[in-house]
PDB file of all heavy atoms in Angstrom:
ATOM      1  N   VAL A   1    -131.144 113.628-118.995  1.00  0.00           N
ATOM      2  CA  VAL A   1    -131.657 114.180-120.255  1.00  0.00           C
ATOM      3  C   VAL A   1    -130.637 114.099-121.385  1.00  0.00           C
ATOM      4  O   VAL A   1    -130.941 114.446-122.527  1.00  0.00           O
ATOM      5  CB  VAL A   1    -132.114 115.643-120.070  1.00  0.00           C
ATOM      6  CG1 VAL A   1    -133.280 115.711-119.092  1.00  0.00           C
ATOM      7  CG2 VAL A   1    -130.962 116.524-119.607  1.00  0.00           C
ATOM      8  N   GLY A   2    -129.424 113.649-121.091  1.00  0.00           N
ATOM      9  CA  GLY A   2    -128.403 113.548-122.121  1.00  0.00           C
ATOM     10  C   GLY A   2    -127.029 113.391-121.513  1.00  0.00           C
ATOM     11  O   GLY A   2    -126.882 113.121-120.314  1.00  0.00           O
ATOM     12  N   VAL A   3    -126.010 113.573-122.341  1.00  0.00           N
ATOM     13  CA  VAL A   3    -124.631 113.486-121.869  1.00  0.00           C
ATOM     14  C   VAL A   3    -123.805 114.565-122.558  1.00  0.00           C
ATOM     15  O   VAL A   3    -124.161 115.069-123.637  1.00  0.00           O
ATOM     16  CB  VAL A   3    -123.989 112.101-122.125  1.00  0.00           C
ATOM     17  CG1 VAL A   3    -124.837 110.991-121.527  1.00  0.00           C
ATOM     18  CG2 VAL A   3    -123.750 111.870-123.609  1.00  0.00           C
ATOM     19  N   THR A   4    -122.689 114.885-121.929  1.00  0.00           N
ATOM     20  CA  THR A   4    -121.680 115.743-122.545  1.00  0.00           C
ATOM     21  C   THR A   4    -120.448 114.887-122.810  1.00  0.00           C
ATOM     22  O   THR A   4    -120.001 114.154-121.931  1.00  0.00           O
ATOM     23  CB  THR A   4    -121.321 116.919-121.629  1.00  0.00           C
ATOM     24  OG1 THR A   4    -122.498 117.721-121.410  1.00  0.00           O
ATOM     25  CG2 THR A   4    -120.230 117.789-122.242  1.00  0.00           C
ATOM     26  N   TYR A   5    -119.928 114.975-124.031  1.00  0.00           N
ATOM     27  CA  TYR A   5    -118.734 114.190-124.366  1.00  0.00           C
ATOM     28  C   TYR A   5    -117.735 115.054-125.121  1.00  0.00           C
ATOM     29  O   TYR A   5    -118.067 116.103-125.681  1.00  0.00           O
ATOM     30  CB  TYR A   5    -119.093 112.927-125.147  1.00  0.00           C
ATOM     31  CG  TYR A   5    -119.490 113.132-126.587  1.00  0.00           C
ATOM     32  CD1 TYR A   5    -118.540 113.085-127.618  1.00  0.00           C
ATOM     33  CD2 TYR A   5    -120.824 113.357-126.941  1.00  0.00           C
ATOM     34  CE1 TYR A   5    -118.899 113.260-128.947  1.00  0.00           C
ATOM     35  CE2 TYR A   5    -121.187 113.538-128.272  1.00  0.00           C
ATOM     36  CZ  TYR A   5    -120.227 113.482-129.265  1.00  0.00           C
ATOM     37  OH  TYR A   5    -120.589 113.664-130.575  1.00  0.00           O
ATOM     38  N   ARG A   6    -116.493 114.599-125.123  1.00  0.00           N
ATOM     39  CA  ARG A   6    -115.419 115.298-125.820  1.00  0.00           C
ATOM     40  C   ARG A   6    -114.826 114.379-126.886  1.00  0.00           C
ATOM     41  O   ARG A   6    -114.566 113.203-126.635  1.00  0.00           O
ATOM     42  CB  ARG A   6    -114.320 115.725-124.848  1.00  0.00           C
ATOM     43  CG  ARG A   6    -113.147 116.467-125.517  1.00  0.00           C
ATOM     44  CD  ARG A   6    -112.075 116.851-124.509  1.00  0.00           C
ATOM     45  NE  ARG A   6    -112.560 117.829-123.559  1.00  0.00           N
ATOM     46  CZ  ARG A   6    -112.606 119.140-123.792  1.00  0.00           C
ATOM     47  NH1 ARG A   6    -112.218 119.621-124.967  1.00  0.00           N
ATOM     48  NH2 ARG A   6    -113.045 119.964-122.865  1.00  0.00           N
ATOM     49  N   ASP A   7    -114.595 114.930-128.063  1.00  0.00           N
ATOM     50  CA  ASP A   7    -113.836 114.234-129.088  1.00  0.00           C
ATOM     51  C   ASP A   7    -112.767 115.174-129.630  1.00  0.00           C
ATOM     52  O   ASP A   7    -112.487 116.221-129.026  1.00  0.00           O
ATOM     53  CB  ASP A   7    -114.750 113.687-130.197  1.00  0.00           C
ATOM     54  CG  ASP A   7    -115.476 114.777-130.965  1.00  0.00           C
ATOM     55  OD1 ASP A   7    -115.113 115.974-130.827  1.00  0.00           O
ATOM     56  OD2 ASP A   7    -116.404 114.440-131.735  1.00  0.00           O
ATOM     57  N   LYS A   8    -112.180 114.858-130.761  1.00  0.00           N
ATOM     58  CA  LYS A   8    -111.087 115.662-131.291  1.00  0.00           C
ATOM     59  C   LYS A   8    -111.513 117.078-131.647  1.00  0.00           C
ATOM     60  O   LYS A   8    -110.683 117.989-131.717  1.00  0.00           O
ATOM     61  CB  LYS A   8    -110.488 114.974-132.527  1.00  0.00           C
ATOM     62  CG  LYS A   8    -109.779 113.657-132.224  1.00  0.00           C
ATOM     63  CD  LYS A   8    -109.242 113.033-133.510  1.00  0.00           C
ATOM     64  CE  LYS A   8    -108.531 111.720-133.210  1.00  0.00           C
ATOM     65  NZ  LYS A   8    -108.015 111.070-134.456  1.00  0.00           N
ATOM     66  N   THR A   9    -112.809 117.265-131.877  1.00  0.00           N
ATOM     67  CA  THR A   9    -113.287 118.585-132.295  1.00  0.00           C
ATOM     68  C   THR A   9    -113.783 119.437-131.138  1.00  0.00           C
ATOM     69  O   THR A   9    -114.164 120.589-131.343  1.00  0.00           O
ATOM     70  CB  THR A   9    -114.419 118.441-133.330  1.00  0.00           C
ATOM     71  OG1 THR A   9    -115.558 117.815-132.720  1.00  0.00           O
ATOM     72  CG2 THR A   9    -113.948 117.607-134.512  1.00  0.00           C
ATOM     73  N   GLY A  10    -113.808 118.879-129.925  1.00  0.00           N
ATOM     74  CA  GLY A  10    -114.241 119.660-128.771  1.00  0.00           C
ATOM     75  C   GLY A  10    -115.365 119.008-127.993  1.00  0.00           C
ATOM     76  O   GLY A  10    -115.581 117.792-128.089  1.00  0.00           O
ATOM     77  N   LEU A  11    -116.088 119.823-127.229  1.00  0.00           N
ATOM     78  CA  LEU A  11    -117.183 119.341-126.397  1.00  0.00           C
ATOM     79  C   LEU A  11    -118.486 119.306-127.181  1.00  0.00           C
ATOM     80  O   LEU A  11    -118.756 120.197-128.001  1.00  0.00           O
ATOM     81  CB  LEU A  11    -117.365 120.235-125.172  1.00  0.00           C
ATOM     82  CG  LEU A  11    -116.414 120.035-123.996  1.00  0.00           C
ATOM     83  CD1 LEU A  11    -116.692 121.081-122.915  1.00  0.00           C
ATOM     84  CD2 LEU A  11    -116.528 118.636-123.411  1.00  0.00           C
ATOM     85  N   HIS A  12    -119.299 118.292-126.892  1.00  0.00           N
ATOM     86  CA  HIS A  12    -120.602 118.159-127.531  1.00  0.00           C
ATOM     87  C   HIS A  12    -121.622 117.742-126.475  1.00  0.00           C
ATOM     88  O   HIS A  12    -121.304 116.966-125.572  1.00  0.00           O
ATOM     89  CB  HIS A  12    -120.565 117.114-128.647  1.00  0.00           C
ATOM     90  CG  HIS A  12    -119.474 117.322-129.638  1.00  0.00           C
ATOM     91  ND1 HIS A  12    -119.614 118.127-130.750  1.00  0.00           N
ATOM     92  CD2 HIS A  12    -118.198 116.845-129.677  1.00  0.00           C
ATOM     93  CE1 HIS A  12    -118.484 118.134-131.432  1.00  0.00           C
ATOM     94  NE2 HIS A  12    -117.604 117.358-130.801  1.00  0.00           N
ATOM     95  N   GLN A  13    -122.826 118.230-126.649  1.00  0.00           N
ATOM     96  CA  GLN A  13    -123.917 117.831-125.761  1.00  0.00           C
ATOM     97  C   GLN A  13    -124.987 117.159-126.604  1.00  0.00           C
ATOM     98  O   GLN A  13    -125.409 117.694-127.637  1.00  0.00           O
ATOM     99  CB  GLN A  13    -124.503 119.035-125.030  1.00  0.00           C
ATOM    100  CG  GLN A  13    -125.497 118.662-123.949  1.00  0.00           C
ATOM    101  CD  GLN A  13    -125.984 119.877-123.188  1.00  0.00           C
ATOM    102  OE1 GLN A  13    -126.407 120.861-123.787  1.00  0.00           O
ATOM    103  NE2 GLN A  13    -125.918 119.822-121.873  1.00  0.00           N
ATOM    104  N   VAL A  14    -125.395 115.978-126.205  1.00  0.00           N
ATOM    105  CA  VAL A  14    -126.475 115.270-126.887  1.00  0.00           C
ATOM    106  C   VAL A  14    -127.577 114.995-125.876  1.00  0.00           C
ATOM    107  O   VAL A  14    -127.313 114.751-124.693  1.00  0.00           O
ATOM    108  CB  VAL A  14    -125.982 113.948-127.524  1.00  0.00           C
ATOM    109  CG1 VAL A  14    -125.177 114.226-128.774  1.00  0.00           C
ATOM    110  CG2 VAL A  14    -125.158 113.134-126.542  1.00  0.00           C
ATOM    111  N   ILE A  15    -128.806 115.068-126.332  1.00  0.00           N
ATOM    112  CA  ILE A  15    -129.937 114.874-125.433  1.00  0.00           C
ATOM    113  C   ILE A  15    -130.733 113.657-125.885  1.00  0.00           C
ATOM    114  O   ILE A  15    -130.639 113.219-127.047  1.00  0.00           O
ATOM    115  CB  ILE A  15    -130.835 116.122-125.379  1.00  0.00           C
ATOM    116  CG1 ILE A  15    -131.386 116.474-126.769  1.00  0.00           C
ATOM    117  CG2 ILE A  15    -130.073 117.294-124.792  1.00  0.00           C
ATOM    118  CD1 ILE A  15    -132.336 117.657-126.770  1.00  0.00           C
ATOM    119  N   CYS A  16    -131.495 113.092-124.964  1.00  0.00           N
ATOM    120  CA  CYS A  16    -132.300 111.915-125.290  1.00  0.00           C
ATOM    121  C   CYS A  16    -133.719 112.110-124.786  1.00  0.00           C
ATOM    122  O   CYS A  16    -133.949 112.785-123.770  1.00  0.00           O
ATOM    123  CB  CYS A  16    -131.691 110.646-124.703  1.00  0.00           C
ATOM    124  SG  CYS A  16    -131.576 110.618-122.921  1.00  0.00           S
ATOM    125  N   THR A  17    -134.636 111.500-125.489  1.00  0.00           N
ATOM    126  CA  THR A  17    -136.042 111.595-125.117  1.00  0.00           C
ATOM    127  C   THR A  17    -136.478 110.473-124.187  1.00  0.00           C
ATOM    128  O   THR A  17    -137.511 110.584-123.538  1.00  0.00           O
ATOM    129  CB  THR A  17    -136.921 111.566-126.376  1.00  0.00           C
ATOM    130  OG1 THR A  17    -136.705 110.329-127.067  1.00  0.00           O
ATOM    131  CG2 THR A  17    -136.573 112.728-127.299  1.00  0.00           C
ATOM    132  N   ARG A  18    -135.653 109.395-124.118  1.00  0.00           N
ATOM    133  CA  ARG A  18    -136.084 108.251-123.311  1.00  0.00           C
ATOM    134  C   ARG A  18    -135.086 107.930-122.202  1.00  0.00           C
ATOM    135  O   ARG A  18    -135.373 108.169-121.040  1.00  0.00           O
ATOM    136  CB  ARG A  18    -136.348 107.039-124.211  1.00  0.00           C
ATOM    137  CG  ARG A  18    -137.528 107.297-125.157  1.00  0.00           C
ATOM    138  CD  ARG A  18    -137.762 106.158-126.127  1.00  0.00           C
ATOM    139  NE  ARG A  18    -138.221 104.944-125.447  1.00  0.00           N
ATOM    140  CZ  ARG A  18    -138.573 103.831-126.090  1.00  0.00           C
ATOM    141  NH1 ARG A  18    -138.491 103.785-127.419  1.00  0.00           N
ATOM    142  NH2 ARG A  18    -138.981 102.778-125.419  1.00  0.00           N
ATOM    143  N   GLU A  19    -133.889 107.405-122.539  1.00  0.00           N
ATOM    144  CA  GLU A  19    -132.981 106.986-121.470  1.00  0.00           C
ATOM    145  C   GLU A  19    -131.522 107.134-121.870  1.00  0.00           C
ATOM    146  O   GLU A  19    -131.166 107.006-123.050  1.00  0.00           O
ATOM    147  CB  GLU A  19    -133.210 105.503-121.101  1.00  0.00           C
ATOM    148  CG  GLU A  19    -134.529 105.209-120.431  1.00  0.00           C
ATOM    149  CD  GLU A  19    -134.652 103.747-120.039  1.00  0.00           C
ATOM    150  OE1 GLU A  19    -133.693 102.983-120.270  1.00  0.00           O
ATOM    151  OE2 GLU A  19    -135.702 103.364-119.511  1.00  0.00           O
ATOM    152  N   VAL A  20    -130.696 107.368-120.849  1.00  0.00           N
ATOM    153  CA  VAL A  20    -129.253 107.205-120.954  1.00  0.00           C
ATOM    154  C   VAL A  20    -128.912 105.855-120.336  1.00  0.00           C
ATOM    155  O   VAL A  20    -129.378 105.520-119.236  1.00  0.00           O
ATOM    156  CB  VAL A  20    -128.489 108.322-120.216  1.00  0.00           C
ATOM    157  CG1 VAL A  20    -126.988 108.035-120.217  1.00  0.00           C
ATOM    158  CG2 VAL A  20    -128.772 109.677-120.858  1.00  0.00           C
ATOM    159  N   ILE A  21    -128.095 105.053-121.028  1.00  0.00           N
ATOM    160  CA  ILE A  21    -127.683 103.740-120.546  1.00  0.00           C
ATOM    161  C   ILE A  21    -126.165 103.745-120.402  1.00  0.00           C
ATOM    162  O   ILE A  21    -125.446 103.902-121.393  1.00  0.00           O
ATOM    163  CB  ILE A  21    -128.136 102.621-121.496  1.00  0.00           C
ATOM    164  CG1 ILE A  21    -129.672 102.588-121.593  1.00  0.00           C
ATOM    165  CG2 ILE A  21    -127.594 101.271-121.039  1.00  0.00           C
ATOM    166  CD1 ILE A  21    -130.207 101.629-122.643  1.00  0.00           C
ATOM    167  N   LEU A  22    -125.680 103.612-119.179  1.00  0.00           N
ATOM    168  CA  LEU A  22    -124.241 103.575-118.916  1.00  0.00           C
ATOM    169  C   LEU A  22    -123.727 102.149-119.062  1.00  0.00           C
ATOM    170  O   LEU A  22    -124.232 101.232-118.402  1.00  0.00           O
ATOM    171  CB  LEU A  22    -123.927 104.096-117.520  1.00  0.00           C
ATOM    172  CG  LEU A  22    -124.092 105.602-117.278  1.00  0.00           C
ATOM    173  CD1 LEU A  22    -123.702 105.945-115.851  1.00  0.00           C
ATOM    174  CD2 LEU A  22    -123.260 106.404-118.251  1.00  0.00           C
ATOM    175  N   SER A  23    -122.717 101.984-119.911  1.00  0.00           N
ATOM    176  CA  SER A  23    -122.125 100.663-120.131  1.00  0.00           C
ATOM    177  C   SER A  23    -120.632 100.835-120.368  1.00  0.00           C
ATOM    178  O   SER A  23    -120.072 100.270-121.304  1.00  0.00           O
ATOM    179  CB  SER A  23    -122.796  99.976-121.326  1.00  0.00           C
ATOM    180  OG  SER A  23    -122.386  98.636-121.423  1.00  0.00           O
ATOM    181  N   ALA A  24    -119.996 101.606-119.499  1.00  0.00           N
ATOM    182  CA  ALA A  24    -118.586 101.956-119.664  1.00  0.00           C
ATOM    183  C   ALA A  24    -117.648 101.037-118.895  1.00  0.00           C
ATOM    184  O   ALA A  24    -116.442 101.275-118.866  1.00  0.00           O
ATOM    185  CB  ALA A  24    -118.361 103.405-119.241  1.00  0.00           C
ATOM    186  N   GLY A  25    -118.180 100.007-118.246  1.00  0.00           N
ATOM    187  CA  GLY A  25    -117.352  99.057-117.510  1.00  0.00           C
ATOM    188  C   GLY A  25    -117.279  99.377-116.031  1.00  0.00           C
ATOM    189  O   GLY A  25    -117.581 100.481-115.584  1.00  0.00           O
ATOM    190  N   SER A  26    -116.850  98.390-115.267  1.00  0.00           N
ATOM    191  CA  SER A  26    -116.914  98.487-113.807  1.00  0.00           C
ATOM    192  C   SER A  26    -115.947  99.488-113.205  1.00  0.00           C
ATOM    193  O   SER A  26    -116.066  99.812-112.018  1.00  0.00           O
ATOM    194  CB  SER A  26    -116.656  97.108-113.188  1.00  0.00           C
ATOM    195  OG  SER A  26    -117.699  96.221-113.522  1.00  0.00           O
ATOM    196  N   LEU A  27    -114.983  99.972-113.988  1.00  0.00           N
ATOM    197  CA  LEU A  27    -114.052 100.966-113.471  1.00  0.00           C
ATOM    198  C   LEU A  27    -114.437 102.377-113.904  1.00  0.00           C
ATOM    199  O   LEU A  27    -114.134 103.338-113.193  1.00  0.00           O
ATOM    200  CB  LEU A  27    -112.627 100.645-113.921  1.00  0.00           C
ATOM    201  CG  LEU A  27    -112.125  99.243-113.579  1.00  0.00           C
ATOM    202  CD1 LEU A  27    -110.670  99.084-114.004  1.00  0.00           C
ATOM    203  CD2 LEU A  27    -112.296  98.929-112.103  1.00  0.00           C
ATOM    204  N   VAL A  28    -115.089 102.525-115.046  1.00  0.00           N
ATOM    205  CA  VAL A  28    -115.437 103.849-115.561  1.00  0.00           C
ATOM    206  C   VAL A  28    -116.889 104.213-115.292  1.00  0.00           C
ATOM    207  O   VAL A  28    -117.204 105.388-115.048  1.00  0.00           O
ATOM    208  CB  VAL A  28    -115.113 103.938-117.063  1.00  0.00           C
ATOM    209  CG1 VAL A  28    -115.527 105.291-117.642  1.00  0.00           C
ATOM    210  CG2 VAL A  28    -113.620 103.724-117.290  1.00  0.00           C
ATOM    211  N   THR A  29    -117.805 103.251-115.320  1.00  0.00           N
ATOM    212  CA  THR A  29    -119.206 103.572-115.017  1.00  0.00           C
ATOM    213  C   THR A  29    -119.356 104.245-113.650  1.00  0.00           C
ATOM    214  O   THR A  29    -120.029 105.275-113.549  1.00  0.00           O
ATOM    215  CB  THR A  29    -120.080 102.318-115.129  1.00  0.00           C
ATOM    216  OG1 THR A  29    -120.277 102.012-116.522  1.00  0.00           O
ATOM    217  CG2 THR A  29    -121.441 102.511-114.477  1.00  0.00           C
ATOM    218  N   PRO A  30    -118.756 103.716-112.562  1.00  0.00           N
ATOM    219  CA  PRO A  30    -118.891 104.442-111.288  1.00  0.00           C
ATOM    220  C   PRO A  30    -118.246 105.820-111.321  1.00  0.00           C
ATOM    221  O   PRO A  30    -118.736 106.761-110.681  1.00  0.00           O
ATOM    222  CB  PRO A  30    -118.220 103.525-110.272  1.00  0.00           C
ATOM    223  CG  PRO A  30    -117.357 102.609-111.068  1.00  0.00           C
ATOM    224  CD  PRO A  30    -118.039 102.443-112.391  1.00  0.00           C
ATOM    225  N   LYS A  31    -117.145 105.959-112.068  1.00  0.00           N
ATOM    226  CA  LYS A  31    -116.523 107.277-112.211  1.00  0.00           C
ATOM    227  C   LYS A  31    -117.499 108.260-112.854  1.00  0.00           C
ATOM    228  O   LYS A  31    -117.671 109.394-112.372  1.00  0.00           O
ATOM    229  CB  LYS A  31    -115.252 107.154-113.056  1.00  0.00           C
ATOM    230  CG  LYS A  31    -114.653 108.475-113.496  1.00  0.00           C
ATOM    231  CD  LYS A  31    -113.546 108.289-114.530  1.00  0.00           C
ATOM    232  CE  LYS A  31    -113.242 109.571-115.270  1.00  0.00           C
ATOM    233  NZ  LYS A  31    -112.189 109.397-116.293  1.00  0.00           N
ATOM    234  N   LEU A  32    -118.176 107.844-113.930  1.00  0.00           N
ATOM    235  CA  LEU A  32    -119.121 108.729-114.607  1.00  0.00           C
ATOM    236  C   LEU A  32    -120.319 109.049-113.718  1.00  0.00           C
ATOM    237  O   LEU A  32    -120.818 110.185-113.723  1.00  0.00           O
ATOM    238  CB  LEU A  32    -119.588 108.094-115.911  1.00  0.00           C
ATOM    239  CG  LEU A  32    -118.540 108.038-117.030  1.00  0.00           C
ATOM    240  CD1 LEU A  32    -119.096 107.294-118.237  1.00  0.00           C
ATOM    241  CD2 LEU A  32    -118.097 109.432-117.422  1.00  0.00           C
ATOM    242  N   LEU A  33    -120.788 108.069-112.968  1.00  0.00           N
ATOM    243  CA  LEU A  33    -121.887 108.347-112.031  1.00  0.00           C
ATOM    244  C   LEU A  33    -121.473 109.422-111.034  1.00  0.00           C
ATOM    245  O   LEU A  33    -122.211 110.389-110.783  1.00  0.00           O
ATOM    246  CB  LEU A  33    -122.297 107.061-111.310  1.00  0.00           C
ATOM    247  CG  LEU A  33    -123.084 106.033-112.127  1.00  0.00           C
ATOM    248  CD1 LEU A  33    -123.203 104.715-111.358  1.00  0.00           C
ATOM    249  CD2 LEU A  33    -124.478 106.560-112.474  1.00  0.00           C
ATOM    250  N   MET A  34    -120.278 109.291-110.473  1.00  0.00           N
ATOM    251  CA  MET A  34    -119.831 110.252-109.469  1.00  0.00           C
ATOM    252  C   MET A  34    -119.579 111.628-110.085  1.00  0.00           C
ATOM    253  O   MET A  34    -119.933 112.655-109.485  1.00  0.00           O
ATOM    254  CB  MET A  34    -118.588 109.710-108.749  1.00  0.00           C
ATOM    255  CG  MET A  34    -118.907 108.534-107.831  1.00  0.00           C
ATOM    256  SD  MET A  34    -117.518 107.951-106.819  1.00  0.00           S
ATOM    257  CE  MET A  34    -116.637 106.936-108.003  1.00  0.00           C
ATOM    258  N   LEU A  35    -119.001 111.682-111.276  1.00  0.00           N
ATOM    259  CA  LEU A  35    -118.809 112.969-111.943  1.00  0.00           C
ATOM    260  C   LEU A  35    -120.135 113.651-112.231  1.00  0.00           C
ATOM    261  O   LEU A  35    -120.196 114.888-112.349  1.00  0.00           O
ATOM    262  CB  LEU A  35    -118.041 112.775-113.247  1.00  0.00           C
ATOM    263  CG  LEU A  35    -116.557 112.423-113.133  1.00  0.00           C
ATOM    264  CD1 LEU A  35    -115.970 112.139-114.511  1.00  0.00           C
ATOM    265  CD2 LEU A  35    -115.767 113.544-112.448  1.00  0.00           C
ATOM    266  N   SER A  36    -121.201 112.857-112.317  1.00  0.00           N
ATOM    267  CA  SER A  36    -122.537 113.394-112.602  1.00  0.00           C
ATOM    268  C   SER A  36    -123.317 113.730-111.345  1.00  0.00           C
ATOM    269  O   SER A  36    -124.489 114.109-111.435  1.00  0.00           O
ATOM    270  CB  SER A  36    -123.318 112.375-113.449  1.00  0.00           C
ATOM    271  OG  SER A  36    -122.581 111.990-114.592  1.00  0.00           O
ATOM    272  N   GLY A  37    -122.689 113.571-110.172  1.00  0.00           N
ATOM    273  CA  GLY A  37    -123.356 113.890-108.918  1.00  0.00           C
ATOM    274  C   GLY A  37    -124.111 112.751-108.296  1.00  0.00           C
ATOM    275  O   GLY A  37    -124.968 112.967-107.425  1.00  0.00           O
ATOM    276  N   ILE A  38    -123.797 111.513-108.719  1.00  0.00           N
ATOM    277  CA  ILE A  38    -124.482 110.322-108.202  1.00  0.00           C
ATOM    278  C   ILE A  38    -123.454 109.454-107.509  1.00  0.00           C
ATOM    279  O   ILE A  38    -122.544 108.917-108.149  1.00  0.00           O
ATOM    280  CB  ILE A  38    -125.154 109.547-109.354  1.00  0.00           C
ATOM    281  CG1 ILE A  38    -126.124 110.443-110.122  1.00  0.00           C
ATOM    282  CG2 ILE A  38    -125.847 108.304-108.831  1.00  0.00           C
ATOM    283  CD1 ILE A  38    -126.556 109.873-111.451  1.00  0.00           C
TER     284      ILE A  38
END
């Protein structure tokens, strides 16, 4: 339903109505999947 990200101002949550698309590369995409419980 969305993602949580951090920037210089702190944590932010954004939501989506259709899809999240992971394109963080072959070393970070699996890391994000696992951090998300996948």
